[in-house]
Amino acid sequence: MELSLADIIQAKNRIKHHIVETPIIFSEPLSNLLNCKVYFKLENLQKTGSFKARGALSKISSLSIEEKKRGVITASSGNHAQAVAYAASLYDTSALVVVPENTAQAKISGIQRYGGEIVQLGTSYDEAEEYAYQLVKETGRTFIPAFDDVVTMAGQGTIGLEAMLEKPDFDLILVPVGGGGLINGIATAAKAIQPKVQVIGVQSEASPAWYESFMAGRMVDVTYQDSIADGIYGGIHEGPLQLAFSRVDDNKLVREKSIARGMKWMAIHHRYIIEGSSAVTIAALLEHQIPEITGKNVLCIITGGNVDESLIMRVLNTDD
């Protein structure tokens, strides 16, 4: 598996008419708190409410006419499924999506809004993915990976391309990590433009597969717990992990309580509702997990905003 800046530029040209070039905003309260300059790249304002639209559009736009005729299929905890349904609607193909049974209703509604056919199975992304691959054999549809695919990664990497073209002096980029597609795409683009920029992944302690494997230098088994960061929950694949060793600088784990605090902090200080998966970057800063940050330009990738109302109310009503 290999990914280059050229792949990301090509993806940008394919998807540019169907995505939002999301804004970067300066966070004065967080910057003052940490004595540095903190910025947010707001993919919660992206089509379908998350960055996943970029990867799905990149992959589906590259399919042959015959593949589009047969339709596409994917597995997802919700955001990628919405993105695949959205992209399929633009490229005149049908989308079948397999999601875990505990998928947030906000994400189910989004899939339905874009015309995706839904199958709910299992309690995790891994179980949903296994069943989706079984359906590939039965239906002849093309599987659209959420992260384990160079073309998908290239689409996600357009976030890094946009960010570095707008502000090439970022010192540090914090990226939520689930399967590794987003961080590999962003790191590839960012380091091609500014080799000295550091790219650090952030994951929940409740789902530490990426963190533990990256730190061990190989795939390792982990124990999972319930998490409000459902978009970065579940297992990983060998390809993205190996790619990350050559371009990702470090990874951090944050507590579930800190993720909820990050969601609440964003709602109070910037009036944005974001997912737990997005809030891990804020959590890492609030936990003071990033050393030697004073005076630096820091970019946090806010990956999405598709959250059930019940979860938001619970988070907002909790004490820090």
Protein backbone atom coordinates (compact mmCIF):
# COMPACT_ATOMS: atom_id res chain seq x y z
CA MET A 1 0.00 0.00 0.00
CA GLU A 2 1.37 3.42 -1.02
CA LEU A 3 -0.13 6.89 -1.11
CA SER A 4 1.30 10.07 -2.62
CA LEU A 5 0.45 13.75 -2.88
CA ALA A 6 -0.33 13.16 -6.57
CA ASP A 7 -3.05 10.65 -5.55
CA ILE A 8 -4.58 13.25 -3.24
CA ILE A 9 -4.50 16.01 -5.86
CA GLN A 10 -6.21 13.67 -8.35
CA ALA A 11 -8.86 12.85 -5.75
CA LYS A 12 -9.38 16.56 -5.10
CA ASN A 13 -10.03 17.16 -8.80
CA ARG A 14 -12.58 14.32 -8.92
CA ILE A 15 -14.59 15.34 -5.87
CA LYS A 16 -14.26 19.15 -5.73
CA HIS A 17 -17.74 19.86 -7.13
CA HIS A 18 -19.46 17.65 -4.56
CA ILE A 19 -17.79 18.64 -1.28
CA VAL A 20 -17.46 21.70 0.91
CA GLU A 21 -13.99 23.18 1.32
CA THR A 22 -14.50 23.44 5.05
CA PRO A 23 -13.31 26.44 7.06
CA ILE A 24 -10.45 26.65 9.51
CA ILE A 25 -11.31 28.72 12.58
CA PHE A 26 -9.09 30.07 15.35
CA SER A 27 -9.97 29.05 18.91
CA GLU A 28 -9.16 31.99 21.14
CA PRO A 29 -10.30 30.36 24.42
CA LEU A 30 -8.29 27.17 23.89
CA SER A 31 -5.29 29.13 22.62
CA ASN A 32 -5.32 31.33 25.72
CA LEU A 33 -5.64 28.30 27.98
CA LEU A 34 -2.68 26.48 26.42
CA ASN A 35 -0.45 29.43 25.47
CA CYS A 36 -0.35 28.45 21.81
CA LYS A 37 -2.47 28.98 18.69
CA VAL A 38 -5.17 26.35 18.23
CA TYR A 39 -7.25 26.04 15.06
CA PHE A 40 -10.12 23.75 14.08
CA LYS A 41 -10.74 22.30 10.61
CA LEU A 42 -14.53 21.95 10.67
CA GLU A 43 -15.48 18.78 8.80
CA ASN A 44 -18.68 18.75 10.85
CA LEU A 45 -19.79 21.28 8.21
CA GLN A 46 -19.01 18.85 5.39
CA LYS A 47 -21.68 17.23 3.18
CA THR A 48 -23.34 14.39 5.16
CA GLY A 49 -21.97 15.95 8.36
CA SER A 50 -18.53 14.34 8.35
CA PHE A 51 -15.22 14.02 6.48
CA LYS A 52 -16.25 10.60 5.19
CA ALA A 53 -17.92 12.17 2.15
CA ARG A 54 -14.46 12.86 0.73
CA GLY A 55 -13.30 9.24 0.80
CA ALA A 56 -16.55 7.76 -0.47
CA LEU A 57 -16.72 10.22 -3.36
CA SER A 58 -13.10 9.55 -4.25
CA LYS A 59 -13.68 5.80 -4.41
CA ILE A 60 -17.07 5.71 -6.13
CA SER A 61 -16.07 8.33 -8.71
CA SER A 62 -13.21 6.02 -9.74
CA LEU A 63 -15.41 2.96 -10.40
CA SER A 64 -16.06 1.64 -13.91
CA ILE A 65 -19.48 1.87 -15.55
CA GLU A 66 -19.97 -1.85 -15.03
CA GLU A 67 -19.14 -1.61 -11.32
CA LYS A 68 -21.61 1.22 -10.89
CA LYS A 69 -24.31 -0.84 -12.60
CA ARG A 70 -23.81 -3.65 -10.06
CA GLY A 71 -24.06 -1.24 -7.14
CA VAL A 72 -21.89 -0.71 -4.09
CA ILE A 73 -21.86 -1.98 -0.52
CA THR A 74 -20.09 -0.92 2.65
CA ALA A 75 -19.88 -1.44 6.38
CA SER A 76 -19.83 1.47 8.78
CA SER A 77 -20.67 2.72 12.26
CA GLY A 78 -22.70 5.38 10.44
CA ASN A 79 -20.73 8.26 8.91
CA HIS A 80 -19.08 6.30 6.12
CA ALA A 81 -22.44 4.67 5.35
CA GLN A 82 -24.05 8.10 4.91
CA ALA A 83 -21.16 9.16 2.72
CA VAL A 84 -21.45 6.09 0.50
CA ALA A 85 -25.20 6.62 0.12
CA TYR A 86 -24.58 10.28 -0.79
CA ALA A 87 -21.85 9.46 -3.31
CA ALA A 88 -23.90 6.65 -4.84
CA SER A 89 -26.82 9.03 -5.39
CA LEU A 90 -24.53 11.36 -7.37
CA TYR A 91 -23.05 8.62 -9.54
CA ASP A 92 -26.28 6.80 -10.39
CA THR A 93 -25.54 3.61 -8.49
CA SER A 94 -27.34 1.88 -5.61
CA ALA A 95 -25.87 1.59 -2.13
CA LEU A 96 -26.37 -1.20 0.41
CA VAL A 97 -24.91 -0.41 3.84
CA VAL A 98 -24.36 -2.70 6.81
CA VAL A 99 -24.28 -0.94 10.18
CA PRO A 100 -24.04 -2.22 13.78
CA GLU A 101 -27.32 -2.54 15.66
CA ASN A 102 -26.29 0.22 18.09
CA THR A 103 -25.69 2.84 15.37
CA ALA A 104 -26.88 6.32 16.33
CA GLN A 105 -30.33 7.22 15.00
CA ALA A 106 -28.95 10.48 13.57
CA LYS A 107 -26.69 8.43 11.31
CA ILE A 108 -29.44 5.96 10.35
CA SER A 109 -31.63 8.90 9.33
CA GLY A 110 -28.79 10.31 7.23
CA ILE A 111 -28.33 7.03 5.35
CA GLN A 112 -32.05 6.89 4.60
CA ARG A 113 -32.08 10.53 3.51
CA TYR A 114 -29.54 9.78 0.77
CA GLY A 115 -31.36 6.67 -0.42
CA GLY A 116 -29.16 3.96 1.07
CA GLU A 117 -30.58 0.51 1.79
CA ILE A 118 -29.76 -0.44 5.40
CA VAL A 119 -28.94 -3.77 7.01
CA GLN A 120 -28.31 -3.67 10.79
CA LEU A 121 -26.21 -6.51 12.20
CA GLY A 122 -23.89 -7.10 15.13
CA THR A 123 -22.64 -4.84 17.89
CA SER A 124 -19.44 -3.55 16.30
CA TYR A 125 -17.95 -2.34 13.02
CA ASP A 126 -15.97 -5.58 12.74
CA GLU A 127 -19.11 -7.73 12.75
CA ALA A 128 -20.83 -5.42 10.26
CA GLU A 129 -17.80 -5.53 7.96
CA GLU A 130 -17.63 -9.35 8.05
CA TYR A 131 -21.27 -9.59 6.99
CA ALA A 132 -20.81 -6.95 4.29
CA TYR A 133 -18.02 -8.99 2.69
CA GLN A 134 -20.33 -12.01 2.73
CA LEU A 135 -22.94 -9.94 0.87
CA VAL A 136 -20.32 -8.89 -1.71
CA LYS A 137 -20.07 -12.55 -2.75
CA GLU A 138 -23.84 -12.95 -2.85
CA THR A 139 -24.72 -9.74 -4.70
CA GLY A 140 -21.71 -8.88 -6.87
CA ARG A 141 -21.64 -5.34 -5.48
CA THR A 142 -18.33 -3.48 -5.09
CA PHE A 143 -17.17 -3.00 -1.51
CA ILE A 144 -16.31 0.61 -0.60
CA PRO A 145 -13.76 0.52 2.25
CA ALA A 146 -13.99 3.10 5.02
CA PHE A 147 -10.22 3.32 5.40
CA ASP A 148 -8.29 0.31 4.06
CA ASP A 149 -7.98 1.59 0.49
CA VAL A 150 -5.60 4.03 -1.20
CA VAL A 151 -8.30 5.76 -3.26
CA THR A 152 -10.48 6.27 -0.18
CA MET A 153 -7.47 7.57 1.76
CA ALA A 154 -6.63 9.97 -1.05
CA GLY A 155 -10.07 11.54 -0.75
CA GLN A 156 -9.68 11.90 3.00
CA GLY A 157 -6.22 13.35 2.46
CA THR A 158 -7.74 16.34 0.68
CA ILE A 159 -8.40 17.72 4.19
CA GLY A 160 -4.67 17.96 4.78
CA LEU A 161 -4.12 19.45 1.34
CA GLU A 162 -6.69 22.19 1.95
CA ALA A 163 -5.37 22.94 5.42
CA MET A 164 -1.71 23.26 4.43
CA LEU A 165 -2.46 25.34 1.34
CA GLU A 166 -4.46 27.74 3.51
CA LYS A 167 -1.95 27.86 6.37
CA PRO A 168 1.38 26.13 5.60
CA ASP A 169 2.96 27.04 8.94
CA PHE A 170 1.12 24.53 11.14
CA ASP A 171 3.56 22.89 13.55
CA LEU A 172 1.25 20.13 14.70
CA ILE A 173 -1.89 18.39 13.42
CA LEU A 174 -4.04 16.32 15.78
CA VAL A 175 -6.19 13.71 14.01
CA PRO A 176 -8.82 11.33 15.42
CA VAL A 177 -7.89 7.75 14.55
CA GLY A 178 -10.08 4.72 13.98
CA GLY A 179 -8.86 2.59 11.09
CA GLY A 180 -6.10 4.96 10.01
CA GLY A 181 -7.32 6.14 6.61
CA LEU A 182 -7.81 9.76 7.64
CA ILE A 183 -4.50 10.19 9.45
CA ASN A 184 -2.55 8.57 6.62
CA GLY A 185 -4.20 10.81 4.05
CA ILE A 186 -3.66 13.98 6.08
CA ALA A 187 -0.07 13.10 6.97
CA THR A 188 0.79 12.36 3.34
CA ALA A 189 -0.51 15.72 2.13
CA ALA A 190 0.74 17.78 5.05
CA LYS A 191 4.28 16.42 5.07
CA ALA A 192 4.59 16.75 1.29
CA ILE A 193 3.93 20.48 1.69
CA GLN A 194 5.68 21.01 5.05
CA PRO A 195 7.98 18.09 6.00
CA LYS A 196 8.56 19.42 9.53
CA VAL A 197 4.89 19.34 10.54
CA GLN A 198 4.10 16.73 13.19
CA VAL A 199 1.00 14.55 12.78
CA ILE A 200 -0.33 12.90 15.94
CA GLY A 201 -3.27 10.52 16.17
CA VAL A 202 -5.73 10.46 19.06
CA GLN A 203 -7.89 7.51 20.10
CA SER A 204 -10.15 6.60 23.00
CA GLU A 205 -8.89 4.35 25.79
CA ALA A 206 -12.07 2.33 25.24
CA SER A 207 -11.00 1.33 21.71
CA PRO A 208 -7.18 1.38 21.61
CA ALA A 209 -6.41 -0.98 18.71
CA TRP A 210 -4.62 1.62 16.60
CA TYR A 211 -2.69 3.11 19.51
CA GLU A 212 -1.50 -0.20 20.93
CA SER A 213 -0.54 -1.57 17.51
CA PHE A 214 1.29 1.59 16.47
CA MET A 215 3.25 1.72 19.71
CA ALA A 216 4.10 -2.00 19.50
CA GLY A 217 5.13 -1.75 15.86
CA ARG A 218 2.78 -4.59 14.89
CA MET A 219 -0.87 -5.63 15.01
CA VAL A 220 -1.94 -6.54 18.56
CA ASP A 221 -5.20 -7.72 20.13
CA VAL A 222 -6.92 -5.35 22.57
CA THR A 223 -9.91 -5.28 24.87
CA TYR A 224 -12.79 -2.97 23.96
CA GLN A 225 -15.18 -1.08 26.22
CA ASP A 226 -18.23 1.06 25.47
CA SER A 227 -17.35 4.43 23.94
CA ILE A 228 -19.12 7.65 22.97
CA ALA A 229 -16.55 7.98 20.18
CA ASP A 230 -18.35 5.43 18.00
CA GLY A 231 -16.88 6.73 14.73
CA ILE A 232 -13.37 5.60 15.72
CA TYR A 233 -14.42 2.37 17.42
CA GLY A 234 -13.28 -1.08 16.35
CA GLY A 235 -10.44 -3.02 14.78
CA ILE A 236 -7.81 -2.02 12.26
CA HIS A 237 -6.09 -3.51 9.19
CA GLU A 238 -2.46 -4.18 8.43
CA GLY A 239 -2.14 -1.94 5.36
CA PRO A 240 -2.99 1.43 6.94
CA LEU A 241 -0.92 0.58 10.03
CA GLN A 242 2.19 -0.18 8.00
CA LEU A 243 1.71 2.99 5.97
CA ALA A 244 1.47 5.05 9.16
CA PHE A 245 4.89 3.95 10.41
CA SER A 246 6.50 6.05 7.67
CA ARG A 247 4.47 9.26 8.15
CA VAL A 248 2.71 9.48 11.52
CA ASP A 249 4.79 10.88 14.38
CA ASP A 250 2.94 9.73 17.50
CA ASN A 251 -0.38 8.61 18.95
CA LYS A 252 -2.23 9.42 22.18
CA LEU A 253 -5.04 7.85 24.21
CA VAL A 254 -7.71 9.89 25.98
CA ARG A 255 -10.29 9.02 28.62
CA GLU A 256 -14.00 8.74 27.88
CA LYS A 257 -14.69 11.41 30.49
CA SER A 258 -12.33 13.77 28.67
CA ILE A 259 -14.04 13.10 25.35
CA ALA A 260 -17.39 14.10 26.83
CA ARG A 261 -15.71 17.17 28.29
CA GLY A 262 -14.35 18.04 24.83
CA MET A 263 -17.83 17.76 23.27
CA LYS A 264 -19.27 20.02 25.96
CA TRP A 265 -16.36 22.47 25.68
CA MET A 266 -16.92 22.86 21.92
CA ALA A 267 -20.65 23.43 22.38
CA ILE A 268 -20.12 26.07 25.06
CA HIS A 269 -17.17 27.95 23.57
CA HIS A 270 -17.82 27.69 19.81
CA ARG A 271 -21.50 26.66 19.63
CA TYR A 272 -20.77 23.57 17.52
CA ILE A 273 -22.24 20.15 18.21
CA ILE A 274 -19.53 17.59 17.45
CA GLU A 275 -19.20 13.84 17.78
CA GLY A 276 -17.16 12.14 20.44
CA SER A 277 -14.88 10.98 17.63
CA SER A 278 -14.14 14.63 16.84
CA ALA A 279 -13.72 15.65 20.45
CA VAL A 280 -10.76 13.33 21.11
CA THR A 281 -8.40 16.00 19.76
CA ILE A 282 -9.77 18.60 22.16
CA ALA A 283 -9.62 16.02 24.93
CA ALA A 284 -5.91 15.45 24.27
CA LEU A 285 -5.25 19.18 24.61
CA LEU A 286 -7.37 19.56 27.74
CA GLU A 287 -5.55 16.57 29.27
CA HIS A 288 -2.23 18.29 28.44
CA GLN A 289 -1.07 15.23 26.56
CA ILE A 290 0.84 17.13 23.90
CA PRO A 291 4.29 18.23 25.17
CA GLU A 292 6.21 21.35 24.16
CA ILE A 293 3.16 23.04 22.69
CA THR A 294 3.84 26.60 23.85
CA GLY A 295 3.85 29.08 20.99
CA LYS A 296 3.05 26.50 18.33
CA ASN A 297 0.37 26.52 15.62
CA VAL A 298 -1.87 23.53 16.30
CA LEU A 299 -4.61 22.20 14.01
CA CYS A 300 -7.34 19.91 15.35
CA ILE A 301 -9.35 17.96 12.77
CA ILE A 302 -13.03 18.09 13.77
CA THR A 303 -14.26 15.07 11.86
CA GLY A 304 -18.04 15.19 12.19
CA GLY A 305 -21.18 16.39 13.92
CA ASN A 306 -23.71 13.57 13.57
CA VAL A 307 -24.81 13.04 17.17
CA ASP A 308 -28.06 11.81 18.64
CA GLU A 309 -29.95 14.44 20.65
CA SER A 310 -30.07 12.16 23.69
CA LEU A 311 -26.27 11.89 23.82
CA ILE A 312 -25.81 15.63 23.42
CA MET A 313 -28.23 16.33 26.25
CA ARG A 314 -26.47 13.82 28.48
CA VAL A 315 -23.06 15.33 27.74
CA LEU A 316 -24.23 18.90 28.28
CA ASN A 317 -25.84 18.01 31.61
CA THR A 318 -22.77 16.30 33.06
CA ASP A 319 -20.29 18.00 35.38
CA ASP A 320 -16.74 18.41 34.10
